N, C-alpha and C. Protein backbone atom coordinates (compact mmCIF):
# COMPACT_ATOMS: atom_id res chain seq x y z
N MET A 1 150.97 54.25 38.60
CA MET A 1 151.38 54.86 37.34
C MET A 1 152.69 55.61 37.55
N PRO A 2 153.49 55.77 36.48
CA PRO A 2 154.74 56.53 36.60
C PRO A 2 154.49 57.95 37.11
N GLY A 3 155.25 58.35 38.12
CA GLY A 3 155.11 59.70 38.67
C GLY A 3 153.97 59.87 39.65
N GLU A 4 153.24 58.80 39.93
CA GLU A 4 152.10 58.86 40.85
C GLU A 4 152.53 58.37 42.23
N SER A 5 152.11 59.08 43.27
CA SER A 5 152.50 58.72 44.64
C SER A 5 151.31 58.18 45.42
N MET A 6 151.54 57.09 46.15
CA MET A 6 150.51 56.50 47.00
C MET A 6 150.40 57.31 48.29
N VAL A 7 149.18 57.69 48.64
CA VAL A 7 148.93 58.45 49.87
C VAL A 7 148.29 57.57 50.93
N LEU A 8 147.37 56.71 50.52
CA LEU A 8 146.66 55.84 51.47
C LEU A 8 146.27 54.56 50.75
N SER A 9 146.47 53.43 51.40
CA SER A 9 146.11 52.14 50.82
C SER A 9 145.64 51.22 51.94
N ALA A 10 144.53 50.53 51.72
CA ALA A 10 143.99 49.66 52.78
C ALA A 10 143.12 48.56 52.20
N ASN A 11 143.09 47.44 52.89
CA ASN A 11 142.11 46.39 52.64
C ASN A 11 140.84 46.72 53.42
N PRO A 12 139.74 46.03 53.14
CA PRO A 12 138.52 46.30 53.91
C PRO A 12 138.73 46.09 55.41
N HIS A 13 137.87 46.72 56.20
CA HIS A 13 137.89 46.56 57.65
C HIS A 13 137.65 45.09 58.02
N TRP A 14 138.17 44.68 59.18
CA TRP A 14 138.01 43.27 59.58
C TRP A 14 136.55 42.90 59.77
N PHE A 15 135.65 43.88 59.88
CA PHE A 15 134.22 43.59 59.99
C PHE A 15 133.70 42.86 58.74
N TYR A 16 134.52 42.86 57.70
CA TYR A 16 134.25 42.12 56.46
C TYR A 16 133.95 40.65 56.77
N PHE A 17 134.50 40.13 57.89
CA PHE A 17 134.36 38.72 58.25
C PHE A 17 133.27 38.47 59.29
N TRP A 18 132.36 39.42 59.51
CA TRP A 18 131.43 39.29 60.64
C TRP A 18 130.53 38.06 60.52
N LYS A 19 130.10 37.72 59.31
CA LYS A 19 129.24 36.54 59.15
C LYS A 19 129.97 35.27 59.54
N HIS A 20 131.22 35.18 59.20
CA HIS A 20 132.00 33.99 59.52
C HIS A 20 132.31 33.91 61.02
N LEU A 21 132.50 35.07 61.64
CA LEU A 21 132.69 35.08 63.09
C LEU A 21 131.43 34.62 63.80
N ALA A 22 130.27 35.07 63.30
CA ALA A 22 129.00 34.64 63.89
C ALA A 22 128.81 33.13 63.70
N ALA A 23 129.16 32.62 62.52
CA ALA A 23 129.05 31.17 62.28
C ALA A 23 129.98 30.39 63.19
N ALA A 24 131.17 30.92 63.45
CA ALA A 24 132.10 30.24 64.34
C ALA A 24 131.55 30.16 65.76
N VAL A 25 130.86 31.22 66.20
CA VAL A 25 130.24 31.20 67.53
C VAL A 25 129.16 30.12 67.60
N VAL A 26 128.37 29.99 66.53
CA VAL A 26 127.31 28.97 66.50
C VAL A 26 127.92 27.57 66.57
N VAL A 27 128.98 27.34 65.80
CA VAL A 27 129.65 26.02 65.81
C VAL A 27 130.20 25.74 67.20
N LEU A 28 130.76 26.75 67.85
CA LEU A 28 131.32 26.57 69.19
C LEU A 28 130.21 26.22 70.20
N VAL A 29 129.08 26.90 70.09
CA VAL A 29 127.96 26.61 71.00
C VAL A 29 127.47 25.18 70.81
N VAL A 30 127.35 24.74 69.55
CA VAL A 30 126.90 23.37 69.28
C VAL A 30 127.90 22.37 69.87
N ALA A 31 129.19 22.65 69.75
CA ALA A 31 130.21 21.75 70.29
C ALA A 31 130.13 21.70 71.82
N ILE A 32 129.88 22.83 72.46
CA ILE A 32 129.77 22.85 73.93
C ILE A 32 128.56 22.06 74.39
N VAL A 33 127.45 22.24 73.66
CA VAL A 33 126.23 21.49 74.01
C VAL A 33 126.47 19.99 73.85
N ALA A 34 127.13 19.62 72.75
CA ALA A 34 127.42 18.19 72.53
C ALA A 34 128.32 17.63 73.63
N TRP A 35 129.22 18.43 74.14
CA TRP A 35 130.14 18.00 75.19
C TRP A 35 129.42 17.78 76.52
N THR A 36 128.40 18.62 76.78
CA THR A 36 127.73 18.57 78.08
C THR A 36 126.53 17.63 78.12
N LEU A 37 126.04 17.19 76.97
CA LEU A 37 124.86 16.32 76.96
C LEU A 37 125.19 14.94 77.55
N GLU A 38 124.19 14.39 78.23
CA GLU A 38 124.37 13.07 78.84
C GLU A 38 123.80 11.97 77.96
N ARG A 39 123.10 12.33 76.89
CA ARG A 39 122.56 11.33 75.98
C ARG A 39 123.57 11.08 74.86
N PRO A 40 124.16 9.91 74.82
CA PRO A 40 125.24 9.65 73.85
C PRO A 40 124.81 9.82 72.40
N TRP A 41 123.61 9.33 72.06
CA TRP A 41 123.21 9.39 70.65
C TRP A 41 123.01 10.83 70.19
N LEU A 42 122.40 11.67 71.06
CA LEU A 42 122.19 13.07 70.70
C LEU A 42 123.52 13.84 70.67
N SER A 43 124.39 13.47 71.61
CA SER A 43 125.71 14.10 71.64
C SER A 43 126.49 13.78 70.37
N THR A 44 126.38 12.52 69.92
CA THR A 44 127.07 12.12 68.68
C THR A 44 126.56 12.89 67.48
N VAL A 45 125.23 13.06 67.40
CA VAL A 45 124.64 13.82 66.29
C VAL A 45 125.15 15.26 66.27
N LEU A 46 125.17 15.86 67.46
CA LEU A 46 125.62 17.25 67.55
C LEU A 46 127.10 17.38 67.22
N TRP A 47 127.90 16.38 67.59
CA TRP A 47 129.32 16.40 67.24
C TRP A 47 129.49 16.35 65.72
N TRP A 48 128.68 15.54 65.05
CA TRP A 48 128.74 15.48 63.60
C TRP A 48 128.32 16.81 62.97
N VAL A 49 127.28 17.41 63.55
CA VAL A 49 126.82 18.72 63.05
C VAL A 49 127.91 19.77 63.22
N ALA A 50 128.52 19.77 64.41
CA ALA A 50 129.58 20.75 64.68
C ALA A 50 130.78 20.52 63.76
N GLY A 51 131.13 19.25 63.53
CA GLY A 51 132.26 18.94 62.65
C GLY A 51 132.00 19.38 61.21
N ALA A 52 130.79 19.08 60.72
CA ALA A 52 130.44 19.48 59.35
C ALA A 52 130.40 21.01 59.23
N GLY A 53 129.84 21.65 60.26
CA GLY A 53 129.80 23.11 60.24
C GLY A 53 131.19 23.72 60.24
N LEU A 54 132.10 23.12 61.01
CA LEU A 54 133.47 23.63 61.06
C LEU A 54 134.17 23.46 59.72
N ALA A 55 133.95 22.34 59.06
CA ALA A 55 134.57 22.11 57.76
C ALA A 55 134.09 23.13 56.73
N VAL A 56 132.77 23.34 56.70
CA VAL A 56 132.21 24.32 55.76
C VAL A 56 132.72 25.72 56.09
N LEU A 57 132.80 26.03 57.38
CA LEU A 57 133.26 27.35 57.81
C LEU A 57 134.70 27.60 57.38
N LEU A 58 135.57 26.61 57.53
CA LEU A 58 136.97 26.77 57.15
C LEU A 58 137.13 27.03 55.65
N VAL A 59 136.34 26.29 54.85
CA VAL A 59 136.40 26.50 53.40
C VAL A 59 135.91 27.90 53.03
N ALA A 60 134.76 28.28 53.62
CA ALA A 60 134.20 29.61 53.34
C ALA A 60 135.15 30.72 53.81
N LEU A 61 135.79 30.51 54.96
CA LEU A 61 136.71 31.50 55.49
C LEU A 61 137.93 31.66 54.59
N ALA A 62 138.42 30.55 54.03
CA ALA A 62 139.57 30.63 53.12
C ALA A 62 139.20 31.42 51.86
N VAL A 63 138.00 31.19 51.35
CA VAL A 63 137.55 31.90 50.14
C VAL A 63 137.41 33.39 50.42
N VAL A 64 136.75 33.74 51.51
CA VAL A 64 136.52 35.16 51.80
C VAL A 64 137.82 35.87 52.19
N PHE A 65 138.79 35.13 52.75
CA PHE A 65 140.08 35.74 53.06
C PHE A 65 140.81 36.14 51.78
N VAL A 66 140.75 35.27 50.78
CA VAL A 66 141.37 35.61 49.49
C VAL A 66 140.68 36.83 48.88
N GLN A 67 139.34 36.88 48.98
CA GLN A 67 138.60 38.04 48.47
C GLN A 67 139.00 39.31 49.21
N TRP A 68 139.12 39.21 50.54
CA TRP A 68 139.53 40.36 51.34
C TRP A 68 140.94 40.81 50.98
N ARG A 69 141.82 39.84 50.79
CA ARG A 69 143.23 40.17 50.52
C ARG A 69 143.39 40.83 49.16
N THR A 70 142.51 40.51 48.21
CA THR A 70 142.64 41.06 46.86
C THR A 70 141.74 42.28 46.65
N THR A 71 141.15 42.79 47.71
CA THR A 71 140.34 44.00 47.62
C THR A 71 141.12 45.16 48.22
N HIS A 72 141.29 46.21 47.44
CA HIS A 72 142.11 47.35 47.87
C HIS A 72 141.37 48.66 47.62
N PHE A 73 141.48 49.55 48.59
CA PHE A 73 141.01 50.93 48.43
C PHE A 73 142.22 51.84 48.58
N ALA A 74 142.43 52.72 47.60
CA ALA A 74 143.64 53.53 47.62
C ALA A 74 143.35 54.97 47.23
N VAL A 75 144.14 55.87 47.79
CA VAL A 75 144.11 57.28 47.42
C VAL A 75 145.54 57.66 47.02
N THR A 76 145.69 58.22 45.84
CA THR A 76 146.99 58.70 45.38
C THR A 76 146.92 60.22 45.21
N ASP A 77 148.00 60.79 44.72
CA ASP A 77 148.01 62.24 44.49
C ASP A 77 147.31 62.61 43.19
N ARG A 78 146.71 61.58 42.51
CA ARG A 78 146.00 61.84 41.26
C ARG A 78 144.57 61.31 41.24
N ARG A 79 144.28 60.28 42.05
CA ARG A 79 142.98 59.63 41.92
C ARG A 79 142.64 58.82 43.16
N VAL A 80 141.39 58.36 43.18
CA VAL A 80 140.92 57.37 44.15
C VAL A 80 140.67 56.09 43.37
N ALA A 81 141.21 54.98 43.86
CA ALA A 81 141.11 53.72 43.13
C ALA A 81 140.59 52.61 44.03
N TYR A 82 139.83 51.69 43.43
CA TYR A 82 139.28 50.54 44.17
C TYR A 82 139.33 49.33 43.25
N THR A 83 139.90 48.24 43.73
CA THR A 83 139.95 47.00 42.96
C THR A 83 139.49 45.84 43.83
N SER A 84 138.82 44.88 43.22
CA SER A 84 138.35 43.70 43.96
C SER A 84 138.18 42.55 42.98
N GLY A 85 138.12 41.33 43.55
CA GLY A 85 137.91 40.15 42.73
C GLY A 85 139.16 39.31 42.60
N VAL A 86 138.98 38.01 42.43
CA VAL A 86 140.09 37.08 42.29
C VAL A 86 140.22 36.66 40.83
N ILE A 87 139.22 35.97 40.33
CA ILE A 87 139.24 35.54 38.92
C ILE A 87 138.72 36.66 38.03
N ARG A 88 137.59 37.20 38.41
CA ARG A 88 137.02 38.32 37.67
C ARG A 88 137.28 39.60 38.45
N ARG A 89 138.15 40.45 37.95
CA ARG A 89 138.55 41.66 38.65
C ARG A 89 137.62 42.82 38.32
N ARG A 90 137.36 43.64 39.33
CA ARG A 90 136.55 44.85 39.16
C ARG A 90 137.37 46.03 39.65
N GLY A 91 137.43 47.06 38.84
CA GLY A 91 138.23 48.22 39.22
C GLY A 91 137.50 49.52 38.98
N VAL A 92 137.71 50.46 39.87
CA VAL A 92 137.14 51.81 39.75
C VAL A 92 138.27 52.80 39.96
N SER A 93 138.38 53.77 39.07
CA SER A 93 139.40 54.80 39.19
C SER A 93 138.74 56.16 38.96
N ILE A 94 138.84 57.04 39.96
CA ILE A 94 138.18 58.34 39.90
C ILE A 94 139.25 59.43 40.01
N PRO A 95 139.51 60.19 38.95
CA PRO A 95 140.48 61.28 39.04
C PRO A 95 140.04 62.32 40.07
N LEU A 96 141.00 62.88 40.77
CA LEU A 96 140.68 63.85 41.82
C LEU A 96 139.93 65.06 41.28
N ASN A 97 140.27 65.47 40.05
CA ASN A 97 139.62 66.66 39.51
C ASN A 97 138.20 66.40 39.01
N ARG A 98 137.75 65.13 39.10
CA ARG A 98 136.37 64.81 38.73
C ARG A 98 135.47 64.63 39.96
N ILE A 99 136.07 64.68 41.15
CA ILE A 99 135.31 64.47 42.38
C ILE A 99 134.63 65.76 42.80
N ASN A 100 133.33 65.68 43.05
CA ASN A 100 132.56 66.85 43.50
C ASN A 100 132.42 66.89 45.02
N ASN A 101 132.22 65.72 45.63
CA ASN A 101 132.03 65.68 47.07
C ASN A 101 132.34 64.28 47.59
N VAL A 102 132.68 64.21 48.88
CA VAL A 102 132.96 62.93 49.54
C VAL A 102 132.16 62.87 50.84
N ASN A 103 131.38 61.82 51.02
CA ASN A 103 130.58 61.65 52.24
C ASN A 103 130.98 60.36 52.94
N SER A 104 130.94 60.37 54.25
CA SER A 104 131.18 59.16 55.03
C SER A 104 129.97 58.89 55.92
N GLN A 105 129.67 57.63 56.12
CA GLN A 105 128.50 57.23 56.89
C GLN A 105 128.87 56.11 57.86
N GLN A 106 128.45 56.24 59.12
CA GLN A 106 128.74 55.23 60.15
C GLN A 106 127.53 55.04 61.05
N SER A 107 127.18 53.79 61.30
CA SER A 107 126.18 53.48 62.31
C SER A 107 126.85 53.55 63.68
N PHE A 108 126.05 53.35 64.72
CA PHE A 108 126.60 53.40 66.08
C PHE A 108 127.67 52.33 66.27
N LEU A 109 127.38 51.09 65.81
CA LEU A 109 128.35 50.00 65.93
C LEU A 109 129.58 50.29 65.08
N ALA A 110 129.37 50.82 63.88
CA ALA A 110 130.49 51.12 63.00
C ALA A 110 131.40 52.19 63.60
N ARG A 111 130.81 53.15 64.30
CA ARG A 111 131.63 54.17 64.97
C ARG A 111 132.50 53.55 66.05
N MET A 112 131.97 52.57 66.76
CA MET A 112 132.76 51.90 67.80
C MET A 112 133.92 51.12 67.18
N LEU A 113 133.68 50.56 65.99
CA LEU A 113 134.71 49.75 65.33
C LEU A 113 135.57 50.56 64.37
N ASP A 114 135.23 51.86 64.20
CA ASP A 114 135.92 52.74 63.26
C ASP A 114 135.86 52.18 61.85
N ASN A 115 134.65 51.80 61.46
CA ASN A 115 134.39 51.24 60.15
C ASN A 115 133.25 52.04 59.54
N GLY A 116 133.15 52.08 58.21
CA GLY A 116 132.05 52.84 57.65
C GLY A 116 131.98 52.76 56.14
N ILE A 117 131.10 53.60 55.58
CA ILE A 117 130.85 53.68 54.14
C ILE A 117 131.34 55.04 53.64
N VAL A 118 132.06 55.01 52.54
CA VAL A 118 132.53 56.25 51.90
C VAL A 118 131.85 56.35 50.54
N THR A 119 131.16 57.47 50.31
CA THR A 119 130.48 57.72 49.04
C THR A 119 131.15 58.89 48.34
N ILE A 120 131.55 58.67 47.10
CA ILE A 120 132.22 59.70 46.31
C ILE A 120 131.30 60.14 45.18
N GLU A 121 130.95 61.42 45.18
CA GLU A 121 130.14 62.01 44.12
C GLU A 121 131.10 62.59 43.08
N SER A 122 130.97 62.10 41.85
CA SER A 122 131.89 62.54 40.81
C SER A 122 131.14 62.88 39.53
N ALA A 123 131.78 63.69 38.71
CA ALA A 123 131.21 64.03 37.42
C ALA A 123 131.50 62.90 36.44
N GLY A 124 130.50 62.54 35.67
CA GLY A 124 130.68 61.45 34.71
C GLY A 124 129.46 60.55 34.68
N GLU A 125 129.55 59.51 33.86
CA GLU A 125 128.42 58.61 33.67
C GLU A 125 128.20 57.70 34.87
N THR A 126 129.26 57.39 35.61
CA THR A 126 129.12 56.44 36.73
C THR A 126 128.37 57.05 37.91
N GLY A 127 128.41 58.37 38.06
CA GLY A 127 127.71 59.01 39.19
C GLY A 127 128.38 58.70 40.50
N ASP A 128 127.57 58.42 41.54
CA ASP A 128 128.11 58.17 42.87
C ASP A 128 128.75 56.78 42.94
N SER A 129 129.87 56.71 43.64
CA SER A 129 130.55 55.43 43.89
C SER A 129 130.51 55.18 45.39
N VAL A 130 129.98 54.02 45.80
CA VAL A 130 129.82 53.68 47.21
C VAL A 130 130.80 52.57 47.57
N PHE A 131 131.61 52.83 48.59
CA PHE A 131 132.61 51.86 49.04
C PHE A 131 132.31 51.49 50.49
N GLU A 132 132.09 50.20 50.76
CA GLU A 132 131.73 49.72 52.09
C GLU A 132 132.93 49.12 52.81
N ASN A 133 132.78 48.99 54.13
CA ASN A 133 133.82 48.40 54.98
C ASN A 133 135.16 49.11 54.83
N ILE A 134 135.11 50.44 54.83
CA ILE A 134 136.32 51.24 54.73
C ILE A 134 136.80 51.58 56.14
N PRO A 135 138.01 51.19 56.52
CA PRO A 135 138.52 51.54 57.86
C PRO A 135 138.83 53.03 57.96
N HIS A 136 138.56 53.60 59.13
CA HIS A 136 138.82 55.02 59.40
C HIS A 136 138.20 55.93 58.32
N PRO A 137 136.88 55.86 58.12
CA PRO A 137 136.26 56.62 57.01
C PRO A 137 136.43 58.12 57.12
N SER A 138 136.43 58.67 58.32
CA SER A 138 136.61 60.12 58.48
C SER A 138 138.00 60.55 58.01
N HIS A 139 139.00 59.74 58.37
CA HIS A 139 140.36 60.03 57.94
C HIS A 139 140.48 59.91 56.42
N VAL A 140 139.82 58.92 55.85
CA VAL A 140 139.84 58.75 54.39
C VAL A 140 139.22 59.97 53.71
N ARG A 141 138.10 60.43 54.25
CA ARG A 141 137.42 61.60 53.67
C ARG A 141 138.33 62.84 53.73
N THR A 142 138.96 63.05 54.87
CA THR A 142 139.87 64.19 55.02
C THR A 142 141.05 64.08 54.06
N THR A 143 141.59 62.88 53.91
CA THR A 143 142.73 62.66 53.02
C THR A 143 142.36 62.98 51.57
N ILE A 144 141.18 62.54 51.14
CA ILE A 144 140.74 62.80 49.76
C ILE A 144 140.59 64.30 49.53
N PHE A 145 139.97 65.01 50.48
CA PHE A 145 139.81 66.45 50.34
C PHE A 145 141.17 67.15 50.27
N SER A 146 142.13 66.69 51.08
CA SER A 146 143.46 67.29 51.07
C SER A 146 144.13 67.09 49.72
N GLN A 147 144.00 65.90 49.15
CA GLN A 147 144.60 65.64 47.85
C GLN A 147 143.90 66.40 46.74
N MET A 148 142.59 66.60 46.87
CA MET A 148 141.85 67.40 45.89
C MET A 148 142.37 68.84 45.88
N GLU A 149 142.58 69.38 47.07
CA GLU A 149 143.09 70.75 47.17
C GLU A 149 144.50 70.84 46.60
N ALA A 150 145.34 69.85 46.92
CA ALA A 150 146.71 69.85 46.39
C ALA A 150 146.70 69.72 44.87
N ASP A 151 145.78 68.91 44.33
CA ASP A 151 145.68 68.74 42.88
C ASP A 151 145.25 70.03 42.21
N GLU A 152 144.32 70.75 42.84
CA GLU A 152 143.88 72.04 42.29
C GLU A 152 145.03 73.05 42.28
N GLN A 153 145.82 73.04 43.35
CA GLN A 153 146.96 73.94 43.40
C GLN A 153 147.96 73.60 42.31
N SER A 154 148.18 72.31 42.07
CA SER A 154 149.09 71.89 41.01
C SER A 154 148.59 72.34 39.64
N ASP A 155 147.28 72.23 39.43
CA ASP A 155 146.69 72.71 38.17
C ASP A 155 146.91 74.20 38.01
N SER A 156 146.75 74.94 39.10
CA SER A 156 146.94 76.39 39.05
C SER A 156 148.38 76.73 38.68
N TYR A 157 149.33 76.01 39.30
CA TYR A 157 150.74 76.26 39.01
C TYR A 157 151.07 75.92 37.56
N ARG A 158 150.51 74.81 37.07
CA ARG A 158 150.76 74.45 35.68
C ARG A 158 150.18 75.48 34.72
N ASP A 159 148.97 75.95 35.04
CA ASP A 159 148.35 76.97 34.18
C ASP A 159 149.13 78.28 34.24
N ALA A 160 149.59 78.63 35.45
CA ALA A 160 150.37 79.86 35.59
C ALA A 160 151.66 79.77 34.78
N ALA A 161 152.29 78.58 34.81
CA ALA A 161 153.52 78.40 34.04
C ALA A 161 153.24 78.49 32.54
N ALA A 162 152.10 77.92 32.12
CA ALA A 162 151.74 77.99 30.70
C ALA A 162 151.46 79.43 30.28
N ILE A 163 150.80 80.18 31.15
CA ILE A 163 150.52 81.59 30.85
C ILE A 163 151.82 82.38 30.79
N ALA A 164 152.72 82.10 31.74
CA ALA A 164 154.00 82.80 31.75
C ALA A 164 154.78 82.51 30.48
N GLU A 165 154.73 81.24 30.02
CA GLU A 165 155.43 80.89 28.78
C GLU A 165 154.81 81.60 27.59
N ALA A 166 153.45 81.66 27.60
CA ALA A 166 152.76 82.34 26.50
C ALA A 166 153.06 83.83 26.49
N LEU A 167 153.08 84.42 27.69
CA LEU A 167 153.36 85.86 27.78
C LEU A 167 154.81 86.17 27.43
N GLY A 168 155.67 85.15 27.56
CA GLY A 168 157.07 85.38 27.23
C GLY A 168 157.28 85.68 25.77
N ASP A 169 156.34 85.24 24.93
CA ASP A 169 156.43 85.49 23.50
C ASP A 169 155.71 86.77 23.10
N ARG A 170 155.18 87.52 24.09
CA ARG A 170 154.43 88.73 23.79
C ARG A 170 155.10 89.95 24.39
N ASP A 171 154.50 91.05 24.19
CA ASP A 171 155.02 92.29 24.74
C ASP A 171 154.51 92.44 26.16
N THR A 172 155.33 92.08 27.13
CA THR A 172 154.89 92.12 28.52
C THR A 172 154.86 93.52 29.10
N SER A 173 155.28 94.51 28.29
CA SER A 173 155.23 95.88 28.78
C SER A 173 153.85 96.49 28.63
N SER A 174 152.94 95.76 27.93
CA SER A 174 151.58 96.27 27.76
C SER A 174 150.83 96.21 29.07
N GLU A 175 149.71 96.90 29.16
CA GLU A 175 148.93 96.95 30.40
C GLU A 175 148.15 95.66 30.62
N THR A 176 147.91 94.90 29.57
CA THR A 176 147.08 93.69 29.68
C THR A 176 147.75 92.61 30.52
N ALA A 177 149.05 92.38 30.29
CA ALA A 177 149.75 91.31 31.00
C ALA A 177 149.80 91.52 32.50
N PRO A 178 150.29 92.66 33.02
CA PRO A 178 150.31 92.86 34.48
C PRO A 178 148.93 92.78 35.11
N ALA A 179 147.92 93.30 34.41
CA ALA A 179 146.56 93.26 34.96
C ALA A 179 146.07 91.82 35.07
N ALA A 180 146.40 91.00 34.06
CA ALA A 180 145.98 89.59 34.10
C ALA A 180 146.65 88.86 35.24
N TRP A 181 147.95 89.14 35.46
CA TRP A 181 148.66 88.50 36.56
C TRP A 181 148.04 88.87 37.89
N ARG A 182 147.68 90.14 38.04
CA ARG A 182 147.06 90.57 39.31
C ARG A 182 145.71 89.89 39.51
N ARG A 183 144.94 89.79 38.45
CA ARG A 183 143.62 89.14 38.57
C ARG A 183 143.76 87.66 38.91
N LEU A 184 144.73 86.98 38.30
CA LEU A 184 144.96 85.57 38.62
C LEU A 184 145.40 85.40 40.07
N SER A 185 146.29 86.27 40.53
CA SER A 185 146.76 86.19 41.91
C SER A 185 145.63 86.43 42.90
N GLU A 186 144.79 87.43 42.62
CA GLU A 186 143.65 87.71 43.50
C GLU A 186 142.65 86.56 43.48
N LEU A 187 142.44 85.97 42.30
CA LEU A 187 141.50 84.86 42.19
C LEU A 187 141.98 83.65 42.98
N GLU A 188 143.28 83.33 42.89
CA GLU A 188 143.82 82.20 43.65
C GLU A 188 143.74 82.44 45.15
N ASP A 189 143.92 83.69 45.56
CA ASP A 189 143.82 84.03 46.98
C ASP A 189 142.40 83.82 47.48
N LEU A 190 141.40 84.21 46.69
CA LEU A 190 140.01 84.00 47.07
C LEU A 190 139.69 82.51 47.17
N GLN A 191 140.25 81.72 46.25
CA GLN A 191 139.99 80.27 46.27
C GLN A 191 140.64 79.61 47.47
N ARG A 192 141.86 80.03 47.83
CA ARG A 192 142.54 79.47 48.99
C ARG A 192 141.78 79.79 50.28
N ARG A 193 141.17 80.97 50.35
CA ARG A 193 140.43 81.38 51.55
C ARG A 193 139.02 80.80 51.58
N GLY A 194 138.63 80.05 50.53
CA GLY A 194 137.32 79.41 50.50
C GLY A 194 136.18 80.37 50.23
N LEU A 195 136.47 81.53 49.64
CA LEU A 195 135.43 82.53 49.39
C LEU A 195 134.71 82.30 48.08
N ILE A 196 135.27 81.47 47.22
CA ILE A 196 134.60 81.11 45.97
C ILE A 196 134.69 79.60 45.80
N SER A 197 133.74 79.05 45.08
CA SER A 197 133.71 77.60 44.85
C SER A 197 134.72 77.22 43.77
N ASN A 198 134.97 75.91 43.66
CA ASN A 198 135.89 75.43 42.64
C ASN A 198 135.38 75.74 41.24
N ALA A 199 134.06 75.59 41.05
CA ALA A 199 133.48 75.87 39.73
C ALA A 199 133.64 77.34 39.37
N GLU A 200 133.40 78.23 40.34
CA GLU A 200 133.57 79.67 40.08
C GLU A 200 135.03 80.00 39.78
N PHE A 201 135.94 79.35 40.50
CA PHE A 201 137.37 79.58 40.28
C PHE A 201 137.78 79.17 38.87
N GLN A 202 137.35 77.98 38.44
CA GLN A 202 137.72 77.50 37.12
C GLN A 202 137.14 78.39 36.02
N ALA A 203 135.87 78.80 36.19
CA ALA A 203 135.22 79.62 35.18
C ALA A 203 135.89 80.98 35.05
N LYS A 204 136.20 81.60 36.19
CA LYS A 204 136.81 82.93 36.16
C LYS A 204 138.24 82.86 35.64
N ARG A 205 138.96 81.81 36.01
CA ARG A 205 140.32 81.67 35.52
C ARG A 205 140.36 81.51 34.00
N GLN A 206 139.40 80.71 33.47
CA GLN A 206 139.32 80.55 32.03
C GLN A 206 138.99 81.86 31.33
N GLU A 207 138.14 82.66 31.98
CA GLU A 207 137.79 83.97 31.45
C GLU A 207 139.02 84.88 31.34
N ILE A 208 139.87 84.85 32.38
CA ILE A 208 141.07 85.67 32.37
C ILE A 208 142.04 85.19 31.29
N VAL A 209 142.18 83.87 31.18
CA VAL A 209 143.07 83.30 30.15
C VAL A 209 142.58 83.69 28.76
N ASP A 210 141.26 83.63 28.55
CA ASP A 210 140.71 83.98 27.23
C ASP A 210 140.97 85.45 26.89
N ASP A 211 140.97 86.30 27.90
CA ASP A 211 141.24 87.73 27.67
C ASP A 211 142.66 87.98 27.18
N LEU A 212 143.56 87.06 27.55
CA LEU A 212 144.94 87.21 27.11
C LEU A 212 145.11 86.87 25.64
């Protein structure tokens, strides 16, 4: 989108192809057995099996490669986005300010391959969004949290600018304006230090704005 910056973009982890790699190993084993057998008729049958398996595998691999290539997971300075599909496209877009929590999950094998599942808990009808085969899931989780914090800071700056503009049309010599500025500054400091939650910060900030 105009004015939006890409922070992280990736296709699924190469583990996406594990079934096809396993099938390739099976085809290779059948071919080796056919090569070593001393019975010509059985060897011929196995060669046909291996050839047919290889043909099917190549077609399936081409299809899944296109699916892999057209599947994207991205984090921008405004949202988390996921798109997949060739003919029928599926897309998910989650604004950063709607995200409540981000979890990552890895099995022992996934930790060795640096592959995993990222679950995003967000406010809205869709609920949790689960994304599989995400490379470097811990890094992705940290990146999303960093962008969420930056987005909150941007919201604070925009609100502060709006308040400053509103106060510019009022009598700033009154006691209400300086007190509100001090309360907003103290509130932002508490939020930066992690002493209050995002929900508490938003509620208290709105309370201060309403008092103005």
